Amino acid sequence: MIAYALIGAMACVSAAMLLNLFRLFRGPTAADRILALDTMVINAIAFIILFGIHETTTTYFEAALLLAMVGFVGTAAYSKFLLRGDVVE
């Protein structure tokens, strides 16, 4: 039963990633694109964790943690660049 729930959850996360990809390319402003990219990182983390549960291994959880840290730094850098036009002061 849990296998069917995991497959359904992976399908929902994949659909959310496709909708975020649409917003990433279609977004009218740069802020919309940054938010779509940040949401795609969150969805990728969820997909990696679901895949780790499906494979019953803990290696994927470490990969999800690393992606979360890189995603946070990337979103902060994109936002700072959008506000000030420069990342490093």
N, C-alpha and C. Protein backbone atom coordinates (compact mmCIF):
# COMPACT_ATOMS: atom_id res chain seq x y z
N MET A 1 0.81 -1.19 0.00
CA MET A 1 0.00 0.00 0.00
C MET A 1 0.86 1.26 0.00
N ILE A 2 1.97 1.23 0.75
CA ILE A 2 2.83 2.42 0.79
C ILE A 2 3.49 2.68 -0.56
N ALA A 3 3.70 1.63 -1.33
CA ALA A 3 4.31 1.81 -2.66
C ALA A 3 3.39 2.61 -3.57
N TYR A 4 2.09 2.35 -3.49
CA TYR A 4 1.14 3.10 -4.31
C TYR A 4 1.06 4.56 -3.86
N ALA A 5 1.13 4.78 -2.56
CA ALA A 5 1.11 6.15 -2.04
C ALA A 5 2.36 6.91 -2.47
N LEU A 6 3.51 6.25 -2.47
CA LEU A 6 4.74 6.90 -2.91
C LEU A 6 4.69 7.24 -4.39
N ILE A 7 4.17 6.33 -5.19
CA ILE A 7 4.06 6.60 -6.63
C ILE A 7 3.10 7.76 -6.88
N GLY A 8 1.99 7.79 -6.16
CA GLY A 8 1.05 8.91 -6.29
C GLY A 8 1.66 10.23 -5.86
N ALA A 9 2.43 10.20 -4.78
CA ALA A 9 3.08 11.42 -4.30
C ALA A 9 4.14 11.89 -5.30
N MET A 10 4.89 10.94 -5.88
CA MET A 10 5.89 11.31 -6.89
C MET A 10 5.22 11.90 -8.13
N ALA A 11 4.07 11.38 -8.49
CA ALA A 11 3.34 11.93 -9.63
C ALA A 11 2.86 13.36 -9.34
N CYS A 12 2.38 13.60 -8.14
CA CYS A 12 1.93 14.95 -7.76
C CYS A 12 3.10 15.93 -7.73
N VAL A 13 4.23 15.51 -7.20
CA VAL A 13 5.40 16.39 -7.14
C VAL A 13 5.92 16.66 -8.56
N SER A 14 5.87 15.66 -9.42
CA SER A 14 6.29 15.86 -10.81
C SER A 14 5.37 16.85 -11.52
N ALA A 15 4.07 16.75 -11.28
CA ALA A 15 3.13 17.70 -11.87
C ALA A 15 3.40 19.11 -11.35
N ALA A 16 3.71 19.24 -10.08
CA ALA A 16 4.02 20.55 -9.52
C ALA A 16 5.30 21.11 -10.14
N MET A 17 6.28 20.25 -10.39
CA MET A 17 7.51 20.71 -11.02
C MET A 17 7.26 21.19 -12.45
N LEU A 18 6.38 20.50 -13.17
CA LEU A 18 6.04 20.95 -14.53
C LEU A 18 5.34 22.30 -14.51
N LEU A 19 4.44 22.50 -13.55
CA LEU A 19 3.77 23.80 -13.44
C LEU A 19 4.75 24.90 -13.05
N ASN A 20 5.73 24.57 -12.20
CA ASN A 20 6.75 25.56 -11.84
C ASN A 20 7.65 25.88 -13.03
N LEU A 21 7.93 24.87 -13.84
CA LEU A 21 8.72 25.10 -15.04
C LEU A 21 7.99 26.03 -16.00
N PHE A 22 6.68 25.88 -16.09
CA PHE A 22 5.88 26.79 -16.90
C PHE A 22 5.98 28.22 -16.38
N ARG A 23 5.89 28.38 -15.05
CA ARG A 23 5.98 29.72 -14.47
C ARG A 23 7.39 30.29 -14.63
N LEU A 24 8.39 29.43 -14.62
CA LEU A 24 9.77 29.88 -14.78
C LEU A 24 9.98 30.49 -16.16
N PHE A 25 9.43 29.87 -17.19
CA PHE A 25 9.60 30.39 -18.54
C PHE A 25 8.60 31.49 -18.88
N ARG A 26 7.43 31.43 -18.32
CA ARG A 26 6.36 32.35 -18.67
C ARG A 26 6.29 33.58 -17.75
N GLY A 27 6.91 33.51 -16.59
CA GLY A 27 6.80 34.55 -15.57
C GLY A 27 6.99 35.95 -16.11
N PRO A 28 6.07 36.86 -15.82
CA PRO A 28 6.20 38.21 -16.37
C PRO A 28 7.33 39.02 -15.74
N THR A 29 7.69 38.74 -14.51
CA THR A 29 8.75 39.52 -13.88
C THR A 29 9.87 38.60 -13.41
N ALA A 30 10.98 39.21 -13.09
CA ALA A 30 12.12 38.43 -12.59
C ALA A 30 11.83 37.85 -11.21
N ALA A 31 11.04 38.55 -10.40
CA ALA A 31 10.68 38.02 -9.08
C ALA A 31 9.85 36.75 -9.20
N ASP A 32 8.96 36.70 -10.19
CA ASP A 32 8.18 35.47 -10.41
C ASP A 32 9.09 34.32 -10.80
N ARG A 33 10.09 34.60 -11.60
CA ARG A 33 11.02 33.55 -12.01
C ARG A 33 11.87 33.05 -10.85
N ILE A 34 12.28 33.96 -9.97
CA ILE A 34 13.06 33.56 -8.79
C ILE A 34 12.21 32.69 -7.87
N LEU A 35 10.97 33.08 -7.65
CA LEU A 35 10.07 32.28 -6.81
C LEU A 35 9.78 30.92 -7.42
N ALA A 36 9.63 30.87 -8.74
CA ALA A 36 9.40 29.59 -9.40
C ALA A 36 10.62 28.69 -9.27
N LEU A 37 11.81 29.25 -9.39
CA LEU A 37 13.03 28.46 -9.25
C LEU A 37 13.18 27.96 -7.82
N ASP A 38 12.86 28.79 -6.84
CA ASP A 38 12.94 28.37 -5.45
C ASP A 38 11.93 27.25 -5.15
N THR A 39 10.75 27.38 -5.71
CA THR A 39 9.74 26.34 -5.51
C THR A 39 10.13 25.05 -6.22
N MET A 40 10.81 25.16 -7.35
CA MET A 40 11.30 23.96 -8.03
C MET A 40 12.35 23.25 -7.20
N VAL A 41 13.18 24.01 -6.50
CA VAL A 41 14.18 23.39 -5.61
C VAL A 41 13.48 22.65 -4.48
N ILE A 42 12.45 23.26 -3.92
CA ILE A 42 11.70 22.60 -2.84
C ILE A 42 11.04 21.33 -3.36
N ASN A 43 10.47 21.38 -4.55
CA ASN A 43 9.85 20.19 -5.13
C ASN A 43 10.89 19.12 -5.44
N ALA A 44 12.07 19.52 -5.88
CA ALA A 44 13.13 18.55 -6.15
C ALA A 44 13.57 17.88 -4.85
N ILE A 45 13.63 18.64 -3.76
CA ILE A 45 13.97 18.06 -2.46
C ILE A 45 12.91 17.04 -2.06
N ALA A 46 11.65 17.39 -2.24
CA ALA A 46 10.56 16.46 -1.91
C ALA A 46 10.64 15.19 -2.76
N PHE A 47 10.96 15.35 -4.04
CA PHE A 47 11.06 14.19 -4.92
C PHE A 47 12.23 13.29 -4.52
N ILE A 48 13.36 13.89 -4.15
CA ILE A 48 14.51 13.11 -3.72
C ILE A 48 14.19 12.34 -2.44
N ILE A 49 13.51 12.99 -1.51
CA ILE A 49 13.15 12.31 -0.26
C ILE A 49 12.17 11.18 -0.51
N LEU A 50 11.19 11.41 -1.38
CA LEU A 50 10.25 10.34 -1.71
C LEU A 50 10.95 9.17 -2.39
N PHE A 51 11.90 9.47 -3.26
CA PHE A 51 12.65 8.40 -3.91
C PHE A 51 13.51 7.65 -2.91
N GLY A 52 14.07 8.36 -1.93
CA GLY A 52 14.85 7.71 -0.89
C GLY A 52 13.99 6.78 -0.03
N ILE A 53 12.76 7.19 0.25
CA ILE A 53 11.85 6.32 0.99
C ILE A 53 11.51 5.10 0.15
N HIS A 54 11.31 5.31 -1.14
CA HIS A 54 10.97 4.20 -2.03
C HIS A 54 12.11 3.19 -2.12
N GLU A 55 13.34 3.68 -2.16
CA GLU A 55 14.51 2.80 -2.28
C GLU A 55 15.01 2.29 -0.92
N THR A 56 14.45 2.80 0.16
CA THR A 56 14.83 2.45 1.54
C THR A 56 16.33 2.60 1.79
N THR A 57 16.85 3.75 1.45
CA THR A 57 18.24 4.08 1.73
C THR A 57 18.32 5.51 2.26
N THR A 58 19.35 5.77 3.04
CA THR A 58 19.49 7.11 3.65
C THR A 58 20.39 8.04 2.85
N THR A 59 20.99 7.55 1.80
CA THR A 59 21.91 8.37 1.00
C THR A 59 21.17 9.55 0.37
N TYR A 60 19.95 9.33 -0.04
CA TYR A 60 19.19 10.39 -0.71
C TYR A 60 18.81 11.51 0.24
N PHE A 61 18.70 11.21 1.51
CA PHE A 61 18.38 12.26 2.48
C PHE A 61 19.53 13.26 2.62
N GLU A 62 20.76 12.77 2.55
CA GLU A 62 21.91 13.66 2.59
C GLU A 62 21.97 14.52 1.34
N ALA A 63 21.65 13.94 0.19
CA ALA A 63 21.61 14.71 -1.04
C ALA A 63 20.54 15.79 -0.99
N ALA A 64 19.40 15.47 -0.39
CA ALA A 64 18.33 16.46 -0.24
C ALA A 64 18.76 17.60 0.68
N LEU A 65 19.50 17.29 1.73
CA LEU A 65 20.00 18.32 2.63
C LEU A 65 20.98 19.24 1.92
N LEU A 66 21.86 18.69 1.13
CA LEU A 66 22.81 19.51 0.38
C LEU A 66 22.09 20.39 -0.64
N LEU A 67 21.09 19.84 -1.31
CA LEU A 67 20.32 20.63 -2.26
C LEU A 67 19.57 21.76 -1.56
N ALA A 68 19.09 21.52 -0.36
CA ALA A 68 18.39 22.56 0.40
C ALA A 68 19.33 23.71 0.73
N MET A 69 20.55 23.39 1.13
CA MET A 69 21.51 24.45 1.45
C MET A 69 21.89 25.24 0.21
N VAL A 70 22.16 24.56 -0.88
CA VAL A 70 22.53 25.24 -2.12
C VAL A 70 21.35 26.06 -2.66
N GLY A 71 20.15 25.52 -2.54
CA GLY A 71 18.97 26.25 -3.00
C GLY A 71 18.73 27.52 -2.21
N PHE A 72 18.96 27.48 -0.91
CA PHE A 72 18.80 28.68 -0.09
C PHE A 72 19.81 29.75 -0.48
N VAL A 73 21.06 29.35 -0.64
CA VAL A 73 22.09 30.32 -1.01
C VAL A 73 21.81 30.90 -2.40
N GLY A 74 21.37 30.05 -3.31
CA GLY A 74 21.05 30.52 -4.66
C GLY A 74 19.90 31.50 -4.67
N THR A 75 18.86 31.22 -3.92
CA THR A 75 17.72 32.13 -3.86
C THR A 75 18.11 33.46 -3.22
N ALA A 76 18.90 33.40 -2.18
CA ALA A 76 19.36 34.64 -1.54
C ALA A 76 20.23 35.46 -2.50
N ALA A 77 21.09 34.80 -3.25
CA ALA A 77 21.96 35.51 -4.19
C ALA A 77 21.14 36.12 -5.33
N TYR A 78 20.18 35.36 -5.86
CA TYR A 78 19.33 35.91 -6.94
C TYR A 78 18.53 37.11 -6.45
N SER A 79 18.00 37.02 -5.24
CA SER A 79 17.21 38.12 -4.70
C SER A 79 18.06 39.35 -4.46
N LYS A 80 19.25 39.15 -3.94
CA LYS A 80 20.15 40.29 -3.71
C LYS A 80 20.55 40.93 -5.03
N PHE A 81 20.80 40.10 -6.04
CA PHE A 81 21.14 40.64 -7.35
C PHE A 81 19.98 41.42 -7.94
N LEU A 82 18.77 40.94 -7.74
CA LEU A 82 17.59 41.63 -8.26
C LEU A 82 17.39 42.97 -7.55
N LEU A 83 17.64 43.04 -6.25
CA LEU A 83 17.43 44.27 -5.51
C LEU A 83 18.52 45.30 -5.74
N ARG A 84 19.79 44.86 -5.74
CA ARG A 84 20.91 45.79 -5.77
C ARG A 84 21.71 45.78 -7.07
N GLY A 85 21.56 44.74 -7.86
CA GLY A 85 22.31 44.66 -9.09
C GLY A 85 23.72 44.14 -8.90
N ASP A 86 24.06 43.73 -7.68
CA ASP A 86 25.40 43.22 -7.39
C ASP A 86 25.26 42.21 -6.27
N VAL A 87 25.98 41.10 -6.40
CA VAL A 87 25.89 40.05 -5.39
C VAL A 87 26.90 40.29 -4.28
N VAL A 88 28.14 40.56 -4.65
CA VAL A 88 29.21 40.78 -3.69
C VAL A 88 29.46 42.27 -3.58
N GLU A 89 29.43 42.75 -2.36
CA GLU A 89 29.63 44.20 -2.15
C GLU A 89 31.06 44.50 -1.82
